[in-house]
Amino acid sequence: MPEYLEQLRGLLTRYSVRSGDFVLASGQRSSLYVDAKLTTCRAAATRLVGRAFLEKMRQRGWRPAAIGGLSMGADPIAIAVARESLDWDFRIDA
């Protein structure tokens, strides 16, 4: 696994993954809860998140003009990808 993904994984583990007894929105119980926004909104994660998405897009041959999604979860990811794309060979707006 590339170093940047190891770093992102470490941040996700540290800030986003919780163990305990959780009741999910579906009403089911889980001993694990992941809130990726707690990582994607961190300054230290933005370049890593942007690079992870851009690498996946490059692997698939995708060259989108823009990126987005539902506001609550996608905003930090879209901004990270847009920022990181400035250092790549193409620009993606959020």
PDB file of N, CA and C in Angstrom:
ATOM      1  N   MET A   1       0.849  -1.176   0.000  1.00  0.00           N
ATOM      2  CA  MET A   1       0.000   0.000   0.000  1.00  0.00           C
ATOM      3  C   MET A   1       0.897   1.243   0.000  1.00  0.00           C
ATOM      4  N   PRO A   2       0.594   2.221  -0.866  1.00  0.00           N
ATOM      5  CA  PRO A   2       1.406   3.445  -0.909  1.00  0.00           C
ATOM      6  C   PRO A   2       1.405   4.178   0.436  1.00  0.00           C
ATOM      7  N   GLU A   3       2.485   4.903   0.690  1.00  0.00           N
ATOM      8  CA  GLU A   3       2.654   5.619   1.957  1.00  0.00           C
ATOM      9  C   GLU A   3       1.498   6.583   2.246  1.00  0.00           C
ATOM     10  N   TYR A   4       1.025   7.312   1.225  1.00  0.00           N
ATOM     11  CA  TYR A   4      -0.056   8.274   1.467  1.00  0.00           C
ATOM     12  C   TYR A   4      -1.330   7.569   1.923  1.00  0.00           C
ATOM     13  N   LEU A   5      -1.578   6.353   1.417  1.00  0.00           N
ATOM     14  CA  LEU A   5      -2.753   5.597   1.865  1.00  0.00           C
ATOM     15  C   LEU A   5      -2.562   5.067   3.284  1.00  0.00           C
ATOM     16  N   GLU A   6      -1.342   4.692   3.630  1.00  0.00           N
ATOM     17  CA  GLU A   6      -1.050   4.279   5.011  1.00  0.00           C
ATOM     18  C   GLU A   6      -1.305   5.444   5.967  1.00  0.00           C
ATOM     19  N   GLN A   7      -0.886   6.644   5.564  1.00  0.00           N
ATOM     20  CA  GLN A   7      -1.112   7.822   6.402  1.00  0.00           C
ATOM     21  C   GLN A   7      -2.600   8.099   6.551  1.00  0.00           C
ATOM     22  N   LEU A   8      -3.342   8.013   5.444  1.00  0.00           N
ATOM     23  CA  LEU A   8      -4.784   8.243   5.494  1.00  0.00           C
ATOM     24  C   LEU A   8      -5.463   7.191   6.358  1.00  0.00           C
ATOM     25  N   ARG A   9      -5.046   5.971   6.210  1.00  0.00           N
ATOM     26  CA  ARG A   9      -5.598   4.886   7.025  1.00  0.00           C
ATOM     27  C   ARG A   9      -5.370   5.159   8.513  1.00  0.00           C
ATOM     28  N   GLY A  10      -4.171   5.633   8.857  1.00  0.00           N
ATOM     29  CA  GLY A  10      -3.875   5.964  10.245  1.00  0.00           C
ATOM     30  C   GLY A  10      -4.775   7.066  10.782  1.00  0.00           C
ATOM     31  N   LEU A  11      -5.011   8.092   9.973  1.00  0.00           N
ATOM     32  CA  LEU A  11      -5.904   9.179  10.394  1.00  0.00           C
ATOM     33  C   LEU A  11      -7.337   8.683  10.557  1.00  0.00           C
ATOM     34  N   LEU A  12      -7.795   7.867   9.615  1.00  0.00           N
ATOM     35  CA  LEU A  12      -9.150   7.311   9.718  1.00  0.00           C
ATOM     36  C   LEU A  12      -9.294   6.470  10.982  1.00  0.00           C
ATOM     37  N   THR A  13      -8.306   5.633  11.250  1.00  0.00           N
ATOM     38  CA  THR A  13      -8.344   4.786  12.441  1.00  0.00           C
ATOM     39  C   THR A  13      -8.357   5.636  13.707  1.00  0.00           C
ATOM     40  N   ARG A  14      -7.539   6.675  13.716  1.00  0.00           N
ATOM     41  CA  ARG A  14      -7.425   7.516  14.911  1.00  0.00           C
ATOM     42  C   ARG A  14      -8.670   8.364  15.169  1.00  0.00           C
ATOM     43  N   TYR A  15      -9.217   8.971  14.116  1.00  0.00           N
ATOM     44  CA  TYR A  15     -10.279   9.956  14.315  1.00  0.00           C
ATOM     45  C   TYR A  15     -11.689   9.481  13.962  1.00  0.00           C
ATOM     46  N   SER A  16     -11.823   8.485  13.117  1.00  0.00           N
ATOM     47  CA  SER A  16     -13.147   8.161  12.578  1.00  0.00           C
ATOM     48  C   SER A  16     -13.738   6.840  13.041  1.00  0.00           C
ATOM     49  N   VAL A  17     -12.925   5.904  13.482  1.00  0.00           N
ATOM     50  CA  VAL A  17     -13.413   4.569  13.841  1.00  0.00           C
ATOM     51  C   VAL A  17     -13.613   4.487  15.349  1.00  0.00           C
ATOM     52  N   ARG A  18     -14.792   4.068  15.751  1.00  0.00           N
ATOM     53  CA  ARG A  18     -15.124   3.920  17.167  1.00  0.00           C
ATOM     54  C   ARG A  18     -15.662   2.518  17.426  1.00  0.00           C
ATOM     55  N   SER A  19     -15.255   1.958  18.556  1.00  0.00           N
ATOM     56  CA  SER A  19     -15.781   0.673  19.010  1.00  0.00           C
ATOM     57  C   SER A  19     -16.701   0.930  20.189  1.00  0.00           C
ATOM     58  N   GLY A  20     -17.747   0.129  20.294  1.00  0.00           N
ATOM     59  CA  GLY A  20     -18.710   0.281  21.375  1.00  0.00           C
ATOM     60  C   GLY A  20     -20.011  -0.368  20.980  1.00  0.00           C
ATOM     61  N   ASP A  21     -21.091   0.098  21.571  1.00  0.00           N
ATOM     62  CA  ASP A  21     -22.422  -0.408  21.244  1.00  0.00           C
ATOM     63  C   ASP A  21     -23.199   0.746  20.612  1.00  0.00           C
ATOM     64  N   PHE A  22     -23.483   0.619  19.323  1.00  0.00           N
ATOM     65  CA  PHE A  22     -24.129   1.697  18.584  1.00  0.00           C
ATOM     66  C   PHE A  22     -25.435   1.219  17.976  1.00  0.00           C
ATOM     67  N   VAL A  23     -26.443   2.094  17.998  1.00  0.00           N
ATOM     68  CA  VAL A  23     -27.692   1.836  17.288  1.00  0.00           C
ATOM     69  C   VAL A  23     -27.633   2.667  16.013  1.00  0.00           C
ATOM     70  N   LEU A  24     -27.675   1.988  14.877  1.00  0.00           N
ATOM     71  CA  LEU A  24     -27.571   2.648  13.584  1.00  0.00           C
ATOM     72  C   LEU A  24     -28.905   3.239  13.160  1.00  0.00           C
ATOM     73  N   ALA A  25     -28.901   4.074  12.149  1.00  0.00           N
ATOM     74  CA  ALA A  25     -30.131   4.697  11.645  1.00  0.00           C
ATOM     75  C   ALA A  25     -31.159   3.647  11.245  1.00  0.00           C
ATOM     76  N   SER A  26     -30.697   2.476  10.833  1.00  0.00           N
ATOM     77  CA  SER A  26     -31.596   1.386  10.436  1.00  0.00           C
ATOM     78  C   SER A  26     -32.257   0.730  11.639  1.00  0.00           C
ATOM     79  N   GLY A  27     -31.772   1.052  12.838  1.00  0.00           N
ATOM     80  CA  GLY A  27     -32.277   0.421  14.047  1.00  0.00           C
ATOM     81  C   GLY A  27     -31.442  -0.785  14.464  1.00  0.00           C
ATOM     82  N   GLN A  28     -30.585  -1.249  13.588  1.00  0.00           N
ATOM     83  CA  GLN A  28     -29.715  -2.376  13.929  1.00  0.00           C
ATOM     84  C   GLN A  28     -28.581  -1.902  14.822  1.00  0.00           C
ATOM     85  N   ARG A  29     -28.014  -2.844  15.560  1.00  0.00           N
ATOM     86  CA  ARG A  29     -26.906  -2.544  16.448  1.00  0.00           C
ATOM     87  C   ARG A  29     -25.586  -2.920  15.784  1.00  0.00           C
ATOM     88  N   SER A  30     -24.550  -2.204  16.181  1.00  0.00           N
ATOM     89  CA  SER A  30     -23.218  -2.483  15.657  1.00  0.00           C
ATOM     90  C   SER A  30     -22.192  -2.235  16.758  1.00  0.00           C
ATOM     91  N   SER A  31     -21.122  -2.998  16.734  1.00  0.00           N
ATOM     92  CA  SER A  31     -20.032  -2.774  17.687  1.00  0.00           C
ATOM     93  C   SER A  31     -18.968  -1.846  17.097  1.00  0.00           C
ATOM     94  N   LEU A  32     -19.190  -1.424  15.857  1.00  0.00           N
ATOM     95  CA  LEU A  32     -18.238  -0.558  15.167  1.00  0.00           C
ATOM     96  C   LEU A  32     -18.986   0.593  14.506  1.00  0.00           C
ATOM     97  N   TYR A  33     -18.438   1.796  14.612  1.00  0.00           N
ATOM     98  CA  TYR A  33     -19.038   2.966  13.980  1.00  0.00           C
ATOM     99  C   TYR A  33     -17.932   3.766  13.298  1.00  0.00           C
ATOM    100  N   VAL A  34     -18.164   4.167  12.056  1.00  0.00           N
ATOM    101  CA  VAL A  34     -17.183   4.945  11.302  1.00  0.00           C
ATOM    102  C   VAL A  34     -17.836   6.245  10.831  1.00  0.00           C
ATOM    103  N   ASP A  35     -17.254   7.367  11.203  1.00  0.00           N
ATOM    104  CA  ASP A  35     -17.692   8.679  10.733  1.00  0.00           C
ATOM    105  C   ASP A  35     -16.502   9.312  10.013  1.00  0.00           C
ATOM    106  N   ALA A  36     -16.404   9.068   8.709  1.00  0.00           N
ATOM    107  CA  ALA A  36     -15.247   9.517   7.930  1.00  0.00           C
ATOM    108  C   ALA A  36     -15.119  11.036   7.904  1.00  0.00           C
ATOM    109  N   LYS A  37     -16.223  11.763   8.117  1.00  0.00           N
ATOM    110  CA  LYS A  37     -16.137  13.229   8.118  1.00  0.00           C
ATOM    111  C   LYS A  37     -15.182  13.744   9.186  1.00  0.00           C
ATOM    112  N   LEU A  38     -15.058  13.002  10.283  1.00  0.00           N
ATOM    113  CA  LEU A  38     -14.140  13.417  11.343  1.00  0.00           C
ATOM    114  C   LEU A  38     -12.693  13.402  10.863  1.00  0.00           C
ATOM    115  N   THR A  39     -12.429  12.677   9.799  1.00  0.00           N
ATOM    116  CA  THR A  39     -11.096  12.677   9.185  1.00  0.00           C
ATOM    117  C   THR A  39     -11.050  13.583   7.970  1.00  0.00           C
ATOM    118  N   THR A  40     -12.034  13.479   7.076  1.00  0.00           N
ATOM    119  CA  THR A  40     -11.972  14.238   5.821  1.00  0.00           C
ATOM    120  C   THR A  40     -11.999  15.746   6.045  1.00  0.00           C
ATOM    121  N   CYS A  41     -12.500  16.194   7.189  1.00  0.00           N
ATOM    122  CA  CYS A  41     -12.533  17.628   7.494  1.00  0.00           C
ATOM    123  C   CYS A  41     -11.246  18.117   8.158  1.00  0.00           C
ATOM    124  N   ARG A  42     -10.321  17.234   8.451  1.00  0.00           N
ATOM    125  CA  ARG A  42      -9.057  17.611   9.090  1.00  0.00           C
ATOM    126  C   ARG A  42      -8.061  18.113   8.049  1.00  0.00           C
ATOM    127  N   ALA A  43      -7.374  19.182   8.377  1.00  0.00           N
ATOM    128  CA  ALA A  43      -6.391  19.758   7.451  1.00  0.00           C
ATOM    129  C   ALA A  43      -5.343  18.733   7.035  1.00  0.00           C
ATOM    130  N   ALA A  44      -4.902  17.916   7.976  1.00  0.00           N
ATOM    131  CA  ALA A  44      -3.857  16.932   7.678  1.00  0.00           C
ATOM    132  C   ALA A  44      -4.306  15.876   6.680  1.00  0.00           C
ATOM    133  N   ALA A  45      -5.603  15.727   6.497  1.00  0.00           N
ATOM    134  CA  ALA A  45      -6.119  14.679   5.612  1.00  0.00           C
ATOM    135  C   ALA A  45      -6.441  15.176   4.211  1.00  0.00           C
ATOM    136  N   THR A  46      -6.564  16.475   4.005  1.00  0.00           N
ATOM    137  CA  THR A  46      -7.084  16.951   2.721  1.00  0.00           C
ATOM    138  C   THR A  46      -6.242  16.516   1.531  1.00  0.00           C
ATOM    139  N   ARG A  47      -4.941  16.654   1.607  1.00  0.00           N
ATOM    140  CA  ARG A  47      -4.106  16.238   0.469  1.00  0.00           C
ATOM    141  C   ARG A  47      -4.175  14.734   0.268  1.00  0.00           C
ATOM    142  N   LEU A  48      -4.224  13.983   1.365  1.00  0.00           N
ATOM    143  CA  LEU A  48      -4.279  12.522   1.270  1.00  0.00           C
ATOM    144  C   LEU A  48      -5.589  12.064   0.642  1.00  0.00           C
ATOM    145  N   VAL A  49      -6.694  12.674   1.062  1.00  0.00           N
ATOM    146  CA  VAL A  49      -8.009  12.337   0.500  1.00  0.00           C
ATOM    147  C   VAL A  49      -8.052  12.704  -0.977  1.00  0.00           C
ATOM    148  N   GLY A  50      -7.606  13.911  -1.293  1.00  0.00           N
ATOM    149  CA  GLY A  50      -7.594  14.338  -2.691  1.00  0.00           C
ATOM    150  C   GLY A  50      -6.767  13.411  -3.556  1.00  0.00           C
ATOM    151  N   ARG A  51      -5.594  13.047  -3.077  1.00  0.00           N
ATOM    152  CA  ARG A  51      -4.728  12.158  -3.859  1.00  0.00           C
ATOM    153  C   ARG A  51      -5.354  10.779  -4.029  1.00  0.00           C
ATOM    154  N   ALA A  52      -5.961  10.258  -2.969  1.00  0.00           N
ATOM    155  CA  ALA A  52      -6.587   8.932  -3.060  1.00  0.00           C
ATOM    156  C   ALA A  52      -7.664   8.910  -4.140  1.00  0.00           C
ATOM    157  N   PHE A  53      -8.499   9.935  -4.164  1.00  0.00           N
ATOM    158  CA  PHE A  53      -9.558   9.992  -5.177  1.00  0.00           C
ATOM    159  C   PHE A  53      -8.974  10.203  -6.574  1.00  0.00           C
ATOM    160  N   LEU A  54      -7.996  11.097  -6.697  1.00  0.00           N
ATOM    161  CA  LEU A  54      -7.392  11.352  -8.009  1.00  0.00           C
ATOM    162  C   LEU A  54      -6.666  10.122  -8.551  1.00  0.00           C
ATOM    163  N   GLU A  55      -5.981   9.396  -7.691  1.00  0.00           N
ATOM    164  CA  GLU A  55      -5.306   8.168  -8.130  1.00  0.00           C
ATOM    165  C   GLU A  55      -6.323   7.155  -8.649  1.00  0.00           C
ATOM    166  N   LYS A  56      -7.433   7.014  -7.941  1.00  0.00           N
ATOM    167  CA  LYS A  56      -8.470   6.070  -8.375  1.00  0.00           C
ATOM    168  C   LYS A  56      -9.071   6.513  -9.703  1.00  0.00           C
ATOM    169  N   MET A  57      -9.303   7.807  -9.870  1.00  0.00           N
ATOM    170  CA  MET A  57      -9.829   8.304 -11.145  1.00  0.00           C
ATOM    171  C   MET A  57      -8.843   8.050 -12.277  1.00  0.00           C
ATOM    172  N   ARG A  58      -7.562   8.284 -12.011  1.00  0.00           N
ATOM    173  CA  ARG A  58      -6.550   8.064 -13.047  1.00  0.00           C
ATOM    174  C   ARG A  58      -6.489   6.584 -13.428  1.00  0.00           C
ATOM    175  N   GLN A  59      -6.548   5.700 -12.444  1.00  0.00           N
ATOM    176  CA  GLN A  59      -6.527   4.261 -12.710  1.00  0.00           C
ATOM    177  C   GLN A  59      -7.681   3.839 -13.610  1.00  0.00           C
ATOM    178  N   ARG A  60      -8.809   4.494 -13.449  1.00  0.00           N
ATOM    179  CA  ARG A  60     -10.000   4.144 -14.231  1.00  0.00           C
ATOM    180  C   ARG A  60     -10.119   4.939 -15.531  1.00  0.00           C
ATOM    181  N   GLY A  61      -9.196   5.856 -15.757  1.00  0.00           N
ATOM    182  CA  GLY A  61      -9.237   6.651 -16.977  1.00  0.00           C
ATOM    183  C   GLY A  61     -10.278   7.758 -16.960  1.00  0.00           C
ATOM    184  N   TRP A  62     -10.736   8.136 -15.781  1.00  0.00           N
ATOM    185  CA  TRP A  62     -11.745   9.187 -15.660  1.00  0.00           C
ATOM    186  C   TRP A  62     -11.059  10.550 -15.630  1.00  0.00           C
ATOM    187  N   ARG A  63     -11.660  11.527 -16.315  1.00  0.00           N
ATOM    188  CA  ARG A  63     -11.188  12.917 -16.287  1.00  0.00           C
ATOM    189  C   ARG A  63     -12.402  13.837 -16.142  1.00  0.00           C
ATOM    190  N   PRO A  64     -13.024  13.842 -14.965  1.00  0.00           N
ATOM    191  CA  PRO A  64     -14.221  14.661 -14.791  1.00  0.00           C
ATOM    192  C   PRO A  64     -13.897  16.148 -14.800  1.00  0.00           C
ATOM    193  N   ALA A  65     -14.890  16.946 -15.162  1.00  0.00           N
ATOM    194  CA  ALA A  65     -14.747  18.398 -15.122  1.00  0.00           C
ATOM    195  C   ALA A  65     -15.024  18.928 -13.719  1.00  0.00           C
ATOM    196  N   ALA A  66     -15.818  18.179 -12.946  1.00  0.00           N
ATOM    197  CA  ALA A  66     -16.187  18.607 -11.600  1.00  0.00           C
ATOM    198  C   ALA A  66     -16.480  17.380 -10.749  1.00  0.00           C
ATOM    199  N   ILE A  67     -16.500  17.590  -9.430  1.00  0.00           N
ATOM    200  CA  ILE A  67     -16.791  16.523  -8.488  1.00  0.00           C
ATOM    201  C   ILE A  67     -17.705  17.083  -7.415  1.00  0.00           C
ATOM    202  N   GLY A  68     -18.608  16.264  -6.898  1.00  0.00           N
ATOM    203  CA  GLY A  68     -19.523  16.712  -5.857  1.00  0.00           C
ATOM    204  C   GLY A  68     -20.295  15.552  -5.284  1.00  0.00           C
ATOM    205  N   GLY A  69     -21.304  15.861  -4.507  1.00  0.00           N
ATOM    206  CA  GLY A  69     -22.128  14.843  -3.866  1.00  0.00           C
ATOM    207  C   GLY A  69     -23.030  15.509  -2.850  1.00  0.00           C
ATOM    208  N   LEU A  70     -23.607  14.704  -1.967  1.00  0.00           N
ATOM    209  CA  LEU A  70     -24.455  15.258  -0.916  1.00  0.00           C
ATOM    210  C   LEU A  70     -23.607  16.148  -0.010  1.00  0.00           C
ATOM    211  N   SER A  71     -24.121  17.300   0.309  1.00  0.00           N
ATOM    212  CA  SER A  71     -23.336  18.340   0.962  1.00  0.00           C
ATOM    213  C   SER A  71     -22.673  17.913   2.268  1.00  0.00           C
ATOM    214  N   MET A  72     -23.353  17.246   3.131  1.00  0.00           N
ATOM    215  CA  MET A  72     -22.778  16.950   4.444  1.00  0.00           C
ATOM    216  C   MET A  72     -21.528  16.084   4.377  1.00  0.00           C
ATOM    217  N   GLY A  73     -21.488  15.105   3.507  1.00  0.00           N
ATOM    218  CA  GLY A  73     -20.336  14.214   3.451  1.00  0.00           C
ATOM    219  C   GLY A  73     -19.370  14.515   2.330  1.00  0.00           C
ATOM    220  N   ALA A  74     -19.883  15.017   1.234  1.00  0.00           N
ATOM    221  CA  ALA A  74     -19.045  15.172   0.043  1.00  0.00           C
ATOM    222  C   ALA A  74     -18.260  16.476   0.008  1.00  0.00           C
ATOM    223  N   ASP A  75     -18.703  17.496   0.706  1.00  0.00           N
ATOM    224  CA  ASP A  75     -18.021  18.793   0.622  1.00  0.00           C
ATOM    225  C   ASP A  75     -16.529  18.708   0.924  1.00  0.00           C
ATOM    226  N   PRO A  76     -16.113  18.124   2.051  1.00  0.00           N
ATOM    227  CA  PRO A  76     -14.672  18.092   2.307  1.00  0.00           C
ATOM    228  C   PRO A  76     -13.910  17.253   1.287  1.00  0.00           C
ATOM    229  N   ILE A  77     -14.535  16.207   0.766  1.00  0.00           N
ATOM    230  CA  ILE A  77     -13.880  15.370  -0.242  1.00  0.00           C
ATOM    231  C   ILE A  77     -13.759  16.133  -1.551  1.00  0.00           C
ATOM    232  N   ALA A  78     -14.839  16.799  -1.963  1.00  0.00           N
ATOM    233  CA  ALA A  78     -14.812  17.566  -3.216  1.00  0.00           C
ATOM    234  C   ALA A  78     -13.766  18.673  -3.158  1.00  0.00           C
ATOM    235  N   ILE A  79     -13.677  19.368  -2.042  1.00  0.00           N
ATOM    236  CA  ILE A  79     -12.687  20.433  -1.884  1.00  0.00           C
ATOM    237  C   ILE A  79     -11.273  19.852  -1.897  1.00  0.00           C
ATOM    238  N   ALA A  80     -11.085  18.715  -1.241  1.00  0.00           N
ATOM    239  CA  ALA A  80      -9.764  18.076  -1.217  1.00  0.00           C
ATOM    240  C   ALA A  80      -9.323  17.671  -2.618  1.00  0.00           C
ATOM    241  N   VAL A  81     -10.236  17.090  -3.386  1.00  0.00           N
ATOM    242  CA  VAL A  81      -9.903  16.678  -4.753  1.00  0.00           C
ATOM    243  C   VAL A  81      -9.609  17.903  -5.619  1.00  0.00           C
ATOM    244  N   ALA A  82     -10.437  18.936  -5.500  1.00  0.00           N
ATOM    245  CA  ALA A  82     -10.221  20.151  -6.287  1.00  0.00           C
ATOM    246  C   ALA A  82      -8.860  20.764  -5.963  1.00  0.00           C
ATOM    247  N   ARG A  83      -8.523  20.848  -4.689  1.00  0.00           N
ATOM    248  CA  ARG A  83      -7.236  21.425  -4.284  1.00  0.00           C
ATOM    249  C   ARG A  83      -6.070  20.589  -4.802  1.00  0.00           C
ATOM    250  N   GLU A  84      -6.135  19.301  -4.609  1.00  0.00           N
ATOM    251  CA  GLU A  84      -5.037  18.427  -5.020  1.00  0.00           C
ATOM    252  C   GLU A  84      -4.886  18.400  -6.536  1.00  0.00           C
ATOM    253  N   SER A  85      -5.998  18.559  -7.259  1.00  0.00           N
ATOM    254  CA  SER A  85      -5.927  18.514  -8.725  1.00  0.00           C
ATOM    255  C   SER A  85      -5.097  19.668  -9.293  1.00  0.00           C
ATOM    256  N   LEU A  86      -4.920  20.736  -8.530  1.00  0.00           N
ATOM    257  CA  LEU A  86      -4.084  21.848  -8.990  1.00  0.00           C
ATOM    258  C   LEU A  86      -2.640  21.406  -9.219  1.00  0.00           C
ATOM    259  N   ASP A  87      -2.205  20.385  -8.498  1.00  0.00           N
ATOM    260  CA  ASP A  87      -0.839  19.885  -8.628  1.00  0.00           C
ATOM    261  C   ASP A  87      -0.724  18.744  -9.635  1.00  0.00           C
ATOM    262  N   TRP A  88      -1.834  18.389 -10.266  1.00  0.00           N
ATOM    263  CA  TRP A  88      -1.838  17.298 -11.239  1.00  0.00           C
ATOM    264  C   TRP A  88      -1.914  17.888 -12.644  1.00  0.00           C
ATOM    265  N   ASP A  89      -2.074  17.040 -13.609  1.00  0.00           N
ATOM    266  CA  ASP A  89      -2.098  17.510 -14.996  1.00  0.00           C
ATOM    267  C   ASP A  89      -3.482  17.933 -15.468  1.00  0.00           C
ATOM    268  N   PHE A  90      -4.439  17.978 -14.576  1.00  0.00           N
ATOM    269  CA  PHE A  90      -5.767  18.469 -14.940  1.00  0.00           C
ATOM    270  C   PHE A  90      -6.448  19.057 -13.717  1.00  0.00           C
ATOM    271  N   ARG A  91      -7.348  20.002 -13.960  1.00  0.00           N
ATOM    272  CA  ARG A  91      -8.059  20.680 -12.882  1.00  0.00           C
ATOM    273  C   ARG A  91      -9.473  20.123 -12.789  1.00  0.00           C
ATOM    274  N   ILE A  92      -9.903  19.864 -11.551  1.00  0.00           N
ATOM    275  CA  ILE A  92     -11.274  19.440 -11.279  1.00  0.00           C
ATOM    276  C   ILE A  92     -11.858  20.454 -10.309  1.00  0.00           C
ATOM    277  N   ASP A  93     -12.957  21.076 -10.668  1.00  0.00           N
ATOM    278  CA  ASP A  93     -13.618  22.022  -9.776  1.00  0.00           C
ATOM    279  C   ASP A  93     -14.591  21.293  -8.855  1.00  0.00           C
ATOM    280  N   ALA A  94     -14.783  21.854  -7.674  1.00  0.00           N
ATOM    281  CA  ALA A  94     -15.743  21.286  -6.718  1.00  0.00           C
ATOM    282  C   ALA A  94     -17.103  21.904  -6.952  1.00  0.00           C
TER     283      ALA A  94
END
